[in-house]
Amino acid sequence: MNNLPQIAAEIRELVIKMLVNAASGHTAGALDLADILAVLYFSDILHLDPAHPDDPWRTGRLPALWG
């Protein structure tokens, strides 16, 4: 979990690259979500296993966080 700030920074860098390549877009929302995405996907909160992308629990976990 110590590298979550670095992962969030990498997400932000990718967002900027995508926006530059697209020559349009809104930066605020995507950049704001970088920390949230880093914690959800790269910690043990969602327990996502990249080796099993077809896991039926995978698609239901994120919406379940909103109740």
Protein backbone atom coordinates (compact mmCIF):
# COMPACT_ATOMS: atom_id res chain seq x y z
CA MET A 1 0.00 0.00 0.00
CA ASN A 2 2.98 2.28 0.31
CA ASN A 3 3.07 2.87 -3.44
CA LEU A 4 -0.53 4.08 -3.80
CA PRO A 5 0.53 7.75 -4.15
CA GLN A 6 2.91 6.72 -6.96
CA ILE A 7 0.17 4.71 -8.68
CA ALA A 8 -2.20 7.70 -8.43
CA ALA A 9 0.48 9.93 -9.96
CA GLU A 10 0.90 7.45 -12.83
CA ILE A 11 -2.86 7.43 -13.39
CA ARG A 12 -2.83 11.24 -13.56
CA GLU A 13 0.04 11.13 -16.06
CA LEU A 14 -1.90 8.70 -18.25
CA VAL A 15 -5.00 10.92 -18.05
CA ILE A 16 -3.01 13.94 -19.22
CA LYS A 17 -1.46 11.93 -22.08
CA MET A 18 -4.89 10.73 -23.21
CA LEU A 19 -6.34 14.24 -23.08
CA VAL A 20 -3.41 15.63 -25.07
CA ASN A 21 -3.75 12.86 -27.67
CA ALA A 22 -7.49 13.47 -27.92
CA ALA A 23 -6.94 17.24 -28.12
CA SER A 24 -9.97 17.71 -25.89
CA GLY A 25 -11.57 16.62 -22.65
CA HIS A 26 -12.14 17.68 -19.08
CA THR A 27 -9.26 17.19 -16.70
CA ALA A 28 -10.80 17.85 -13.29
CA GLY A 29 -12.96 14.75 -12.84
CA ALA A 30 -10.41 12.28 -14.15
CA LEU A 31 -7.57 13.78 -12.13
CA ASP A 32 -9.70 13.93 -8.98
CA LEU A 33 -10.56 10.23 -9.27
CA ALA A 34 -6.93 9.09 -9.57
CA ASP A 35 -6.52 8.64 -5.80
CA ILE A 36 -9.85 6.83 -5.45
CA LEU A 37 -9.07 4.48 -8.34
CA ALA A 38 -5.60 3.75 -6.99
CA VAL A 39 -7.00 2.77 -3.60
CA LEU A 40 -9.90 0.72 -4.97
CA TYR A 41 -8.00 -1.19 -7.62
CA PHE A 42 -4.50 -1.49 -6.16
CA SER A 43 -5.26 -2.23 -2.51
CA ASP A 44 -7.23 -5.06 -0.95
CA ILE A 45 -10.57 -3.26 -1.02
CA LEU A 46 -12.00 -4.81 -4.20
CA HIS A 47 -9.82 -7.95 -4.19
CA LEU A 48 -9.56 -7.94 -7.99
CA ASP A 49 -7.50 -10.74 -9.48
CA PRO A 50 -6.07 -9.84 -12.90
CA ALA A 51 -5.60 -13.55 -13.60
CA HIS A 52 -9.39 -14.03 -13.51
CA PRO A 53 -11.02 -11.20 -15.51
CA ASP A 54 -14.20 -13.25 -16.02
CA ASP A 55 -14.87 -13.58 -12.28
CA PRO A 56 -18.61 -12.83 -11.87
CA TRP A 57 -17.94 -10.92 -8.64
CA ARG A 58 -15.65 -8.52 -10.49
CA THR A 59 -18.41 -6.54 -12.20
CA GLY A 60 -20.60 -6.26 -9.12
CA ARG A 61 -18.12 -5.05 -6.56
CA LEU A 62 -17.66 -1.43 -7.55
CA PRO A 63 -21.39 -0.62 -7.86
CA ALA A 64 -21.92 -2.37 -4.51
CA LEU A 65 -19.76 0.28 -2.84
CA TRP A 66 -22.49 2.83 -3.51
CA GLY A 67 -25.09 0.77 -1.72
